[in-house]
Structure formats: structure tokens, C-alpha cells
Amino acid sequence: ALAGGVASNSALREKMENMTKKEGMQLYFPPPVLCTDN
């Protein structure tokens, strides 16, 4: 899973999606409004 403000970064999400898929892992991350402080 990803969390925190940087978890909204599009490059991080895309790269992590590609890497977890390659490793047969499941990836989760919140929508941007729940990545910033809330």
C-alpha cells in the first residue's frame, strides 16, 4: 500500500503498479484527498 502526500505522485503510482504487477503483488493507495493530511 501507499500513503501520505507523495502517494499522489503519478510517477510513483505508475512505477509501483508496474513493479507490484511484475512481482505478482496487489497494490492499494487512497484517492488524493485522503493522501494529504485529513
Full PDB file with SEQRES, HELIX, SHEET, SSBOND, CRYST1, ORIGX, SCALE, CONECT and MASTER records, all heavy atoms in Angstrom:
SEQRES   1 A   38  ALA LEU ALA GLY GLY VAL ALA SER ASN SER ALA LEU ARG          
SEQRES   2 A   38  GLU LYS MET GLU ASN MET THR LYS LYS GLU GLY MET GLN          
SEQRES   3 A   38  LEU TYR PHE PRO PRO PRO VAL LEU CYS THR ASP ASN              
HELIX    1 AA1 GLY A    5  SER A    8  5                                   4    
HELIX    2 AA2 SER A   10  LYS A   22  1                                  13    
HELIX    3 AA3 PRO A   32  LEU A   34  5                                   3    
CRYST1    1.000    1.000    1.000  90.00  90.00  90.00 P 1           1          
ORIGX1      1.000000  0.000000  0.000000        0.00000                         
ORIGX2      0.000000  1.000000  0.000000        0.00000                         
ORIGX3      0.000000  0.000000  1.000000        0.00000                         
SCALE1      1.000000  0.000000  0.000000        0.00000                         
SCALE2      0.000000  1.000000  0.000000        0.00000                         
SCALE3      0.000000  0.000000  1.000000        0.00000                         
ATOM      1  N   ALA A   1       0.843  -1.202   0.000  1.00  0.00           N  
ATOM      2  CA  ALA A   1       0.000   0.000   0.000  1.00  0.00           C  
ATOM      3  C   ALA A   1       0.875   1.248   0.000  1.00  0.00           C  
ATOM      4  O   ALA A   1       2.035   1.214   0.422  1.00  0.00           O  
ATOM      5  CB  ALA A   1      -0.923   0.003   1.213  1.00  0.00           C  
ATOM      6  N   LEU A   2       0.303   2.336  -0.472  1.00  0.00           N  
ATOM      7  CA  LEU A   2       0.955   3.649  -0.437  1.00  0.00           C  
ATOM      8  C   LEU A   2       0.132   4.571   0.455  1.00  0.00           C  
ATOM      9  O   LEU A   2      -1.085   4.415   0.567  1.00  0.00           O  
ATOM     10  CB  LEU A   2       1.038   4.257  -1.837  1.00  0.00           C  
ATOM     11  CG  LEU A   2       1.756   3.463  -2.920  1.00  0.00           C  
ATOM     12  CD1 LEU A   2       1.691   4.219  -4.247  1.00  0.00           C  
ATOM     13  CD2 LEU A   2       3.203   3.201  -2.529  1.00  0.00           C  
ATOM     14  N   ALA A   3       0.799   5.545   1.068  1.00  0.00           N  
ATOM     15  CA  ALA A   3       0.091   6.514   1.896  1.00  0.00           C  
ATOM     16  C   ALA A   3       0.916   7.786   2.002  1.00  0.00           C  
ATOM     17  O   ALA A   3       2.115   7.793   1.734  1.00  0.00           O  
ATOM     18  CB  ALA A   3      -0.172   5.929   3.290  1.00  0.00           C  
ATOM     19  N   GLY A   4       0.263   8.875   2.390  1.00  0.00           N  
ATOM     20  CA  GLY A   4       0.956  10.151   2.531  1.00  0.00           C  
ATOM     21  C   GLY A   4       0.848  10.994   1.275  1.00  0.00           C  
ATOM     22  O   GLY A   4       0.444  10.513   0.209  1.00  0.00           O  
ATOM     23  N   GLY A   5       1.233  12.255   1.387  1.00  0.00           N  
ATOM     24  CA  GLY A   5       1.094  13.186   0.276  1.00  0.00           C  
ATOM     25  C   GLY A   5       1.793  12.765  -0.990  1.00  0.00           C  
ATOM     26  O   GLY A   5       1.280  12.952  -2.096  1.00  0.00           O  
ATOM     27  N   VAL A   6       2.988  12.177  -0.865  1.00  0.00           N  
ATOM     28  CA  VAL A   6       3.746  11.755  -2.044  1.00  0.00           C  
ATOM     29  C   VAL A   6       3.072  10.576  -2.743  1.00  0.00           C  
ATOM     30  O   VAL A   6       3.341  10.302  -3.916  1.00  0.00           O  
ATOM     31  CB  VAL A   6       5.204  11.419  -1.661  1.00  0.00           C  
ATOM     32  CG1 VAL A   6       6.024  10.990  -2.873  1.00  0.00           C  
ATOM     33  CG2 VAL A   6       5.872  12.640  -1.014  1.00  0.00           C  
ATOM     34  N   ALA A   7       2.173   9.887  -2.049  1.00  0.00           N  
ATOM     35  CA  ALA A   7       1.445   8.773  -2.665  1.00  0.00           C  
ATOM     36  C   ALA A   7       0.538   9.251  -3.792  1.00  0.00           C  
ATOM     37  O   ALA A   7       0.044   8.441  -4.583  1.00  0.00           O  
ATOM     38  CB  ALA A   7       0.618   8.025  -1.614  1.00  0.00           C  
ATOM     39  N   SER A   8       0.331  10.569  -3.895  1.00  0.00           N  
ATOM     40  CA  SER A   8      -0.454  11.126  -5.004  1.00  0.00           C  
ATOM     41  C   SER A   8       0.382  11.304  -6.263  1.00  0.00           C  
ATOM     42  O   SER A   8      -0.165  11.558  -7.333  1.00  0.00           O  
ATOM     43  CB  SER A   8      -1.039  12.490  -4.610  1.00  0.00           C  
ATOM     44  OG  SER A   8      -1.989  12.346  -3.587  1.00  0.00           O  
ATOM     45  N   ASN A   9       1.701  11.181  -6.144  1.00  0.00           N  
ATOM     46  CA  ASN A   9       2.582  11.388  -7.281  1.00  0.00           C  
ATOM     47  C   ASN A   9       2.298  10.362  -8.377  1.00  0.00           C  
ATOM     48  O   ASN A   9       2.350   9.150  -8.120  1.00  0.00           O  
ATOM     49  CB  ASN A   9       4.035  11.305  -6.823  1.00  0.00           C  
ATOM     50  CG  ASN A   9       5.026  11.541  -7.944  1.00  0.00           C  
ATOM     51  OD1 ASN A   9       5.392  10.617  -8.667  1.00  0.00           O  
ATOM     52  ND2 ASN A   9       5.473  12.762  -8.102  1.00  0.00           N  
ATOM     53  N   SER A  10       2.019  10.824  -9.583  1.00  0.00           N  
ATOM     54  CA  SER A  10       1.607   9.923 -10.667  1.00  0.00           C  
ATOM     55  C   SER A  10       2.731   8.976 -11.079  1.00  0.00           C  
ATOM     56  O   SER A  10       2.488   7.803 -11.402  1.00  0.00           O  
ATOM     57  CB  SER A  10       1.135  10.730 -11.870  1.00  0.00           C  
ATOM     58  OG  SER A  10       2.177  11.547 -12.392  1.00  0.00           O  
ATOM     59  N   ALA A  11       3.982   9.454 -11.068  1.00  0.00           N  
ATOM     60  CA  ALA A  11       5.110   8.598 -11.447  1.00  0.00           C  
ATOM     61  C   ALA A  11       5.316   7.488 -10.426  1.00  0.00           C  
ATOM     62  O   ALA A  11       5.605   6.347 -10.786  1.00  0.00           O  
ATOM     63  CB  ALA A  11       6.376   9.430 -11.589  1.00  0.00           C  
ATOM     64  N   LEU A  12       5.173   7.824  -9.145  1.00  0.00           N  
ATOM     65  CA  LEU A  12       5.318   6.820  -8.087  1.00  0.00           C  
ATOM     66  C   LEU A  12       4.237   5.759  -8.222  1.00  0.00           C  
ATOM     67  O   LEU A  12       4.519   4.551  -8.135  1.00  0.00           O  
ATOM     68  CB  LEU A  12       5.234   7.487  -6.717  1.00  0.00           C  
ATOM     69  CG  LEU A  12       5.259   6.538  -5.518  1.00  0.00           C  
ATOM     70  CD1 LEU A  12       6.584   5.790  -5.434  1.00  0.00           C  
ATOM     71  CD2 LEU A  12       4.992   7.300  -4.213  1.00  0.00           C  
ATOM     72  N   ARG A  13       3.008   6.175  -8.446  1.00  0.00           N  
ATOM     73  CA  ARG A  13       1.904   5.213  -8.573  1.00  0.00           C  
ATOM     74  C   ARG A  13       2.110   4.297  -9.778  1.00  0.00           C  
ATOM     75  O   ARG A  13       1.941   3.077  -9.679  1.00  0.00           O  
ATOM     76  CB  ARG A  13       0.575   5.956  -8.702  1.00  0.00           C  
ATOM     77  CG  ARG A  13       0.147   6.673  -7.440  1.00  0.00           C  
ATOM     78  CD  ARG A  13      -1.286   7.152  -7.551  1.00  0.00           C  
ATOM     79  NE  ARG A  13      -1.706   7.869  -6.353  1.00  0.00           N  
ATOM     80  CZ  ARG A  13      -2.959   7.960  -5.925  1.00  0.00           C  
ATOM     81  NH1 ARG A  13      -3.921   7.374  -6.597  1.00  0.00           N  
ATOM     82  NH2 ARG A  13      -3.264   8.625  -4.837  1.00  0.00           N  
ATOM     83  N   GLU A  14       2.476   4.896 -10.905  1.00  0.00           N  
ATOM     84  CA  GLU A  14       2.662   4.095 -12.121  1.00  0.00           C  
ATOM     85  C   GLU A  14       3.812   3.109 -11.959  1.00  0.00           C  
ATOM     86  O   GLU A  14       3.693   1.930 -12.330  1.00  0.00           O  
ATOM     87  CB  GLU A  14       2.923   5.016 -13.309  1.00  0.00           C  
ATOM     88  CG  GLU A  14       3.087   4.269 -14.632  1.00  0.00           C  
ATOM     89  CD  GLU A  14       3.325   5.203 -15.801  1.00  0.00           C  
ATOM     90  OE1 GLU A  14       3.258   6.440 -15.620  1.00  0.00           O  
ATOM     91  OE2 GLU A  14       3.588   4.703 -16.916  1.00  0.00           O  
ATOM     92  N   LYS A  15       4.911   3.587 -11.396  1.00  0.00           N  
ATOM     93  CA  LYS A  15       6.075   2.726 -11.222  1.00  0.00           C  
ATOM     94  C   LYS A  15       5.787   1.600 -10.234  1.00  0.00           C  
ATOM     95  O   LYS A  15       6.150   0.440 -10.468  1.00  0.00           O  
ATOM     96  CB  LYS A  15       7.266   3.558 -10.737  1.00  0.00           C  
ATOM     97  CG  LYS A  15       8.606   2.855 -10.825  1.00  0.00           C  
ATOM     98  CD  LYS A  15       9.753   3.826 -10.554  1.00  0.00           C  
ATOM     99  CE  LYS A  15       9.881   4.866 -11.660  1.00  0.00           C  
ATOM    100  NZ  LYS A  15      11.048   5.758 -11.462  1.00  0.00           N  
ATOM    101  N   MET A  16       5.100   1.940  -9.138  1.00  0.00           N  
ATOM    102  CA  MET A  16       4.784   0.915  -8.142  1.00  0.00           C  
ATOM    103  C   MET A  16       3.771  -0.085  -8.692  1.00  0.00           C  
ATOM    104  O   MET A  16       3.850  -1.287  -8.404  1.00  0.00           O  
ATOM    105  CB  MET A  16       4.241   1.572  -6.875  1.00  0.00           C  
ATOM    106  CG  MET A  16       4.162   0.621  -5.683  1.00  0.00           C  
ATOM    107  SD  MET A  16       5.783   0.166  -5.005  1.00  0.00           S  
ATOM    108  CE  MET A  16       6.056   1.541  -3.885  1.00  0.00           C  
ATOM    109  N   GLU A  17       2.845   0.369  -9.511  1.00  0.00           N  
ATOM    110  CA  GLU A  17       1.878  -0.541 -10.139  1.00  0.00           C  
ATOM    111  C   GLU A  17       2.591  -1.543 -11.043  1.00  0.00           C  
ATOM    112  O   GLU A  17       2.292  -2.742 -11.025  1.00  0.00           O  
ATOM    113  CB  GLU A  17       0.840   0.251 -10.941  1.00  0.00           C  
ATOM    114  CG  GLU A  17      -0.232   0.889 -10.099  1.00  0.00           C  
ATOM    115  CD  GLU A  17      -1.258   1.641 -10.930  1.00  0.00           C  
ATOM    116  OE1 GLU A  17      -0.875   2.218 -11.979  1.00  0.00           O  
ATOM    117  OE2 GLU A  17      -2.436   1.652 -10.535  1.00  0.00           O  
ATOM    118  N   ASN A  18       3.542  -1.046 -11.832  1.00  0.00           N  
ATOM    119  CA  ASN A  18       4.286  -1.922 -12.734  1.00  0.00           C  
ATOM    120  C   ASN A  18       5.130  -2.943 -11.962  1.00  0.00           C  
ATOM    121  O   ASN A  18       5.188  -4.123 -12.325  1.00  0.00           O  
ATOM    122  CB  ASN A  18       5.187  -1.094 -13.654  1.00  0.00           C  
ATOM    123  CG  ASN A  18       4.398  -0.271 -14.653  1.00  0.00           C  
ATOM    124  OD1 ASN A  18       3.267  -0.614 -14.989  1.00  0.00           O  
ATOM    125  ND2 ASN A  18       4.974   0.818 -15.131  1.00  0.00           N  
ATOM    126  N   MET A  19       5.781  -2.488 -10.897  1.00  0.00           N  
ATOM    127  CA  MET A  19       6.668  -3.374 -10.137  1.00  0.00           C  
ATOM    128  C   MET A  19       5.891  -4.412  -9.343  1.00  0.00           C  
ATOM    129  O   MET A  19       6.281  -5.579  -9.274  1.00  0.00           O  
ATOM    130  CB  MET A  19       7.573  -2.551  -9.217  1.00  0.00           C  
ATOM    131  CG  MET A  19       8.583  -1.697  -9.971  1.00  0.00           C  
ATOM    132  SD  MET A  19       9.663  -0.718  -8.904  1.00  0.00           S  
ATOM    133  CE  MET A  19      10.681  -1.997  -8.162  1.00  0.00           C  
ATOM    134  N   THR A  20       4.769  -4.011  -8.727  1.00  0.00           N  
ATOM    135  CA  THR A  20       3.978  -4.980  -7.966  1.00  0.00           C  
ATOM    136  C   THR A  20       3.334  -6.002  -8.902  1.00  0.00           C  
ATOM    137  O   THR A  20       3.252  -7.191  -8.579  1.00  0.00           O  
ATOM    138  CB  THR A  20       2.879  -4.268  -7.144  1.00  0.00           C  
ATOM    139  OG1 THR A  20       2.135  -3.368  -7.984  1.00  0.00           O  
ATOM    140  CG2 THR A  20       3.494  -3.499  -5.993  1.00  0.00           C  
ATOM    141  N   LYS A  21       2.900  -5.539 -10.065  1.00  0.00           N  
ATOM    142  CA  LYS A  21       2.315  -6.471 -11.045  1.00  0.00           C  
ATOM    143  C   LYS A  21       3.346  -7.500 -11.488  1.00  0.00           C  
ATOM    144  O   LYS A  21       3.044  -8.698 -11.602  1.00  0.00           O  
ATOM    145  CB  LYS A  21       1.791  -5.693 -12.250  1.00  0.00           C  
ATOM    146  CG  LYS A  21       1.065  -6.545 -13.270  1.00  0.00           C  
ATOM    147  CD  LYS A  21       0.497  -5.686 -14.395  1.00  0.00           C  
ATOM    148  CE  LYS A  21      -0.252  -6.542 -15.411  1.00  0.00           C  
ATOM    149  NZ  LYS A  21      -0.815  -5.710 -16.525  1.00  0.00           N  
ATOM    150  N   LYS A  22       4.569  -7.043 -11.718  1.00  0.00           N  
ATOM    151  CA  LYS A  22       5.645  -7.946 -12.132  1.00  0.00           C  
ATOM    152  C   LYS A  22       5.935  -8.981 -11.062  1.00  0.00           C  
ATOM    153  O   LYS A  22       6.278 -10.135 -11.371  1.00  0.00           O  
ATOM    154  CB  LYS A  22       6.909  -7.126 -12.431  1.00  0.00           C  
ATOM    155  CG  LYS A  22       8.085  -7.944 -12.927  1.00  0.00           C  
ATOM    156  CD  LYS A  22       9.275  -7.055 -13.223  1.00  0.00           C  
ATOM    157  CE  LYS A  22      10.479  -7.877 -13.678  1.00  0.00           C  
ATOM    158  NZ  LYS A  22      11.662  -7.000 -13.940  1.00  0.00           N  
ATOM    159  N   GLU A  23       5.789  -8.579  -9.780  1.00  0.00           N  
ATOM    160  CA  GLU A  23       6.078  -9.484  -8.666  1.00  0.00           C  
ATOM    161  C   GLU A  23       4.850 -10.285  -8.222  1.00  0.00           C  
ATOM    162  O   GLU A  23       4.924 -11.045  -7.261  1.00  0.00           O  
ATOM    163  CB  GLU A  23       6.609  -8.682  -7.476  1.00  0.00           C  
ATOM    164  CG  GLU A  23       7.913  -7.955  -7.728  1.00  0.00           C  
ATOM    165  CD  GLU A  23       9.094  -8.899  -7.912  1.00  0.00           C  
ATOM    166  OE1 GLU A  23       8.994 -10.066  -7.486  1.00  0.00           O  
ATOM    167  OE2 GLU A  23      10.115  -8.468  -8.477  1.00  0.00           O  
ATOM    168  N   GLY A  24       3.730 -10.098  -8.907  1.00  0.00           N  
ATOM    169  CA  GLY A  24       2.513 -10.806  -8.528  1.00  0.00           C  
ATOM    170  C   GLY A  24       1.915 -10.294  -7.232  1.00  0.00           C  
ATOM    171  O   GLY A  24       1.264 -11.032  -6.492  1.00  0.00           O  
ATOM    172  N   MET A  25       2.100  -9.001  -6.961  1.00  0.00           N  
ATOM    173  CA  MET A  25       1.597  -8.387  -5.738  1.00  0.00           C  
ATOM    174  C   MET A  25       0.386  -7.512  -6.028  1.00  0.00           C  
ATOM    175  O   MET A  25       0.196  -7.061  -7.152  1.00  0.00           O  
ATOM    176  CB  MET A  25       2.694  -7.531  -5.075  1.00  0.00           C  
ATOM    177  CG  MET A  25       3.925  -8.307  -4.644  1.00  0.00           C  
ATOM    178  SD  MET A  25       5.209  -7.193  -3.989  1.00  0.00           S  
ATOM    179  CE  MET A  25       6.474  -8.391  -3.518  1.00  0.00           C  
ATOM    180  N   GLN A  26      -0.405  -7.271  -4.991  1.00  0.00           N  
ATOM    181  CA  GLN A  26      -1.572  -6.400  -5.092  1.00  0.00           C  
ATOM    182  C   GLN A  26      -1.221  -5.039  -4.512  1.00  0.00           C  
ATOM    183  O   GLN A  26      -0.638  -4.946  -3.434  1.00  0.00           O  
ATOM    184  CB  GLN A  26      -2.754  -6.996  -4.318  1.00  0.00           C  
ATOM    185  CG  GLN A  26      -4.044  -6.207  -4.410  1.00  0.00           C  
ATOM    186  CD  GLN A  26      -4.692  -6.283  -5.784  1.00  0.00           C  
ATOM    187  OE1 GLN A  26      -4.677  -7.335  -6.419  1.00  0.00           O  
ATOM    188  NE2 GLN A  26      -5.263  -5.180  -6.232  1.00  0.00           N  
ATOM    189  N   LEU A  27      -1.563  -3.961  -5.221  1.00  0.00           N  
ATOM    190  CA  LEU A  27      -1.242  -2.611  -4.771  1.00  0.00           C  
ATOM    191  C   LEU A  27      -2.512  -1.840  -4.420  1.00  0.00           C  
ATOM    192  O   LEU A  27      -3.500  -1.882  -5.148  1.00  0.00           O  
ATOM    193  CB  LEU A  27      -0.477  -1.851  -5.857  1.00  0.00           C  
ATOM    194  CG  LEU A  27      -0.137  -0.390  -5.552  1.00  0.00           C  
ATOM    195  CD1 LEU A  27       0.824  -0.288  -4.374  1.00  0.00           C  
ATOM    196  CD2 LEU A  27       0.450   0.295  -6.787  1.00  0.00           C  
ATOM    197  N   TYR A  28      -2.452  -1.124  -3.292  1.00  0.00           N  
ATOM    198  CA  TYR A  28      -3.553  -0.265  -2.860  1.00  0.00           C  
ATOM    199  C   TYR A  28      -3.022   1.139  -2.586  1.00  0.00           C  
ATOM    200  O   TYR A  28      -1.901   1.303  -2.108  1.00  0.00           O  
ATOM    201  CB  TYR A  28      -4.193  -0.797  -1.574  1.00  0.00           C  
ATOM    202  CG  TYR A  28      -4.890  -2.121  -1.722  1.00  0.00           C  
ATOM    203  CD1 TYR A  28      -4.212  -3.320  -1.504  1.00  0.00           C  
ATOM    204  CD2 TYR A  28      -6.244  -2.187  -2.066  1.00  0.00           C  
ATOM    205  CE1 TYR A  28      -4.850  -4.546  -1.633  1.00  0.00           C  
ATOM    206  CE2 TYR A  28      -6.891  -3.412  -2.202  1.00  0.00           C  
ATOM    207  CZ  TYR A  28      -6.190  -4.587  -1.979  1.00  0.00           C  
ATOM    208  OH  TYR A  28      -6.825  -5.789  -2.111  1.00  0.00           O  
ATOM    209  N   PHE A  29      -3.820   2.148  -2.894  1.00  0.00           N  
ATOM    210  CA  PHE A  29      -3.488   3.513  -2.481  1.00  0.00           C  
ATOM    211  C   PHE A  29      -4.777   4.315  -2.396  1.00  0.00           C  
ATOM    212  O   PHE A  29      -5.745   4.047  -3.101  1.00  0.00           O  
ATOM    213  CB  PHE A  29      -2.482   4.182  -3.420  1.00  0.00           C  
ATOM    214  CG  PHE A  29      -2.776   4.051  -4.884  1.00  0.00           C  
ATOM    215  CD1 PHE A  29      -3.769   4.813  -5.491  1.00  0.00           C  
ATOM    216  CD2 PHE A  29      -2.046   3.161  -5.676  1.00  0.00           C  
ATOM    217  CE1 PHE A  29      -4.027   4.700  -6.847  1.00  0.00           C  
ATOM    218  CE2 PHE A  29      -2.296   3.035  -7.032  1.00  0.00           C  
ATOM    219  CZ  PHE A  29      -3.288   3.813  -7.620  1.00  0.00           C  
ATOM    220  N   PRO A  30      -4.819   5.323  -1.522  1.00  0.00           N  
ATOM    221  CA  PRO A  30      -6.035   6.118  -1.346  1.00  0.00           C  
ATOM    222  C   PRO A  30      -6.174   7.154  -2.462  1.00  0.00           C  
ATOM    223  O   PRO A  30      -5.205   7.462  -3.163  1.00  0.00           O  
ATOM    224  CB  PRO A  30      -5.801   6.828   0.001  1.00  0.00           C  
ATOM    225  CG  PRO A  30      -4.536   6.252   0.567  1.00  0.00           C  
ATOM    226  CD  PRO A  30      -3.766   5.718  -0.591  1.00  0.00           C  
ATOM    227  N   PRO A  31      -7.359   7.736  -2.621  1.00  0.00           N  
ATOM    228  CA  PRO A  31      -7.512   8.856  -3.546  1.00  0.00           C  
ATOM    229  C   PRO A  31      -6.726  10.052  -3.011  1.00  0.00           C  
ATOM    230  O   PRO A  31      -6.429  10.119  -1.809  1.00  0.00           O  
ATOM    231  CB  PRO A  31      -9.020   9.124  -3.539  1.00  0.00           C  
ATOM    232  CG  PRO A  31      -9.484   8.609  -2.212  1.00  0.00           C  
ATOM    233  CD  PRO A  31      -8.627   7.420  -1.930  1.00  0.00           C  
ATOM    234  N   PRO A  32      -6.383  11.024  -3.863  1.00  0.00           N  
ATOM    235  CA  PRO A  32      -5.571  12.166  -3.427  1.00  0.00           C  
ATOM    236  C   PRO A  32      -6.087  12.882  -2.188  1.00  0.00           C  
ATOM    237  O   PRO A  32      -5.307  13.320  -1.346  1.00  0.00           O  
ATOM    238  CB  PRO A  32      -5.584  13.074  -4.655  1.00  0.00           C  
ATOM    239  CG  PRO A  32      -5.701  12.126  -5.807  1.00  0.00           C  
ATOM    240  CD  PRO A  32      -6.623  11.041  -5.326  1.00  0.00           C  
ATOM    241  N   VAL A  33      -7.417  13.009  -2.042  1.00  0.00           N  
ATOM    242  CA  VAL A  33      -7.970  13.739  -0.901  1.00  0.00           C  
ATOM    243  C   VAL A  33      -7.652  13.050   0.421  1.00  0.00           C  
ATOM    244  O   VAL A  33      -7.614  13.695   1.481  1.00  0.00           O  
ATOM    245  CB  VAL A  33      -9.498  13.929  -1.055  1.00  0.00           C  
ATOM    246  CG1 VAL A  33     -10.232  12.601  -0.913  1.00  0.00           C  
ATOM    247  CG2 VAL A  33     -10.019  14.961  -0.050  1.00  0.00           C  
ATOM    248  N   LEU A  34      -7.384  11.748   0.385  1.00  0.00           N  
ATOM    249  CA  LEU A  34      -7.028  11.016   1.595  1.00  0.00           C  
ATOM    250  C   LEU A  34      -5.528  10.779   1.710  1.00  0.00           C  
ATOM    251  O   LEU A  34      -5.059  10.129   2.649  1.00  0.00           O  
ATOM    252  CB  LEU A  34      -7.768   9.668   1.658  1.00  0.00           C  
ATOM    253  CG  LEU A  34      -9.283   9.740   1.774  1.00  0.00           C  
ATOM    254  CD1 LEU A  34      -9.883   8.345   1.908  1.00  0.00           C  
ATOM    255  CD2 LEU A  34      -9.710  10.618   2.961  1.00  0.00           C  
ATOM    256  N   CYS A  35      -4.759  11.301   0.743  1.00  0.00           N  
ATOM    257  CA  CYS A  35      -3.300  11.229   0.827  1.00  0.00           C  
ATOM    258  C   CYS A  35      -2.751  12.425   1.602  1.00  0.00           C  
ATOM    259  O   CYS A  35      -1.816  12.290   2.392  1.00  0.00           O  
ATOM    260  CB  CYS A  35      -2.680  11.193  -0.572  1.00  0.00           C  
ATOM    261  SG  CYS A  35      -2.927   9.638  -1.451  1.00  0.00           S  
ATOM    262  N   THR A  36      -3.344  13.593   1.371  1.00  0.00           N  
ATOM    263  CA  THR A  36      -2.932  14.770   2.133  1.00  0.00           C  
ATOM    264  C   THR A  36      -3.431  14.630   3.566  1.00  0.00           C  
ATOM    265  O   THR A  36      -4.217  13.739   3.889  1.00  0.00           O  
ATOM    266  CB  THR A  36      -3.529  16.046   1.516  1.00  0.00           C  
ATOM    267  OG1 THR A  36      -4.950  15.914   1.463  1.00  0.00           O  
ATOM    268  CG2 THR A  36      -2.992  16.269   0.118  1.00  0.00           C  
ATOM    269  N   ASP A  37      -2.967  15.525   4.448  1.00  0.00           N  
ATOM    270  CA  ASP A  37      -3.414  15.472   5.840  1.00  0.00           C  
ATOM    271  C   ASP A  37      -4.919  15.664   5.904  1.00  0.00           C  
ATOM    272  O   ASP A  37      -5.464  16.623   5.335  1.00  0.00           O  
ATOM    273  CB  ASP A  37      -2.715  16.553   6.663  1.00  0.00           C  
ATOM    274  CG  ASP A  37      -1.235  16.267   6.851  1.00  0.00           C  
ATOM    275  OD1 ASP A  37      -0.805  15.128   6.563  1.00  0.00           O  
ATOM    276  OD2 ASP A  37      -0.511  17.175   7.303  1.00  0.00           O  
ATOM    277  N   ASN A  38      -5.597  14.775   6.618  1.00  0.00           N  
ATOM    278  CA  ASN A  38      -7.049  14.822   6.734  1.00  0.00           C  
ATOM    279  C   ASN A  38      -7.466  14.156   8.038  1.00  0.00           C  
ATOM    280  O   ASN A  38      -6.674  13.460   8.676  1.00  0.00           O  
ATOM    281  CB  ASN A  38      -7.711  14.136   5.533  1.00  0.00           C  
ATOM    282  CG  ASN A  38      -7.392  12.652   5.475  1.00  0.00           C  
ATOM    283  OD1 ASN A  38      -8.092  11.836   6.087  1.00  0.00           O  
ATOM    284  ND2 ASN A  38      -6.330  12.263   4.773  1.00  0.00           N  
TER     285      ASN A  38                                                      
MASTER        0    0    0    3    0    0    0    6  284    1    0    3          
END                                                                             
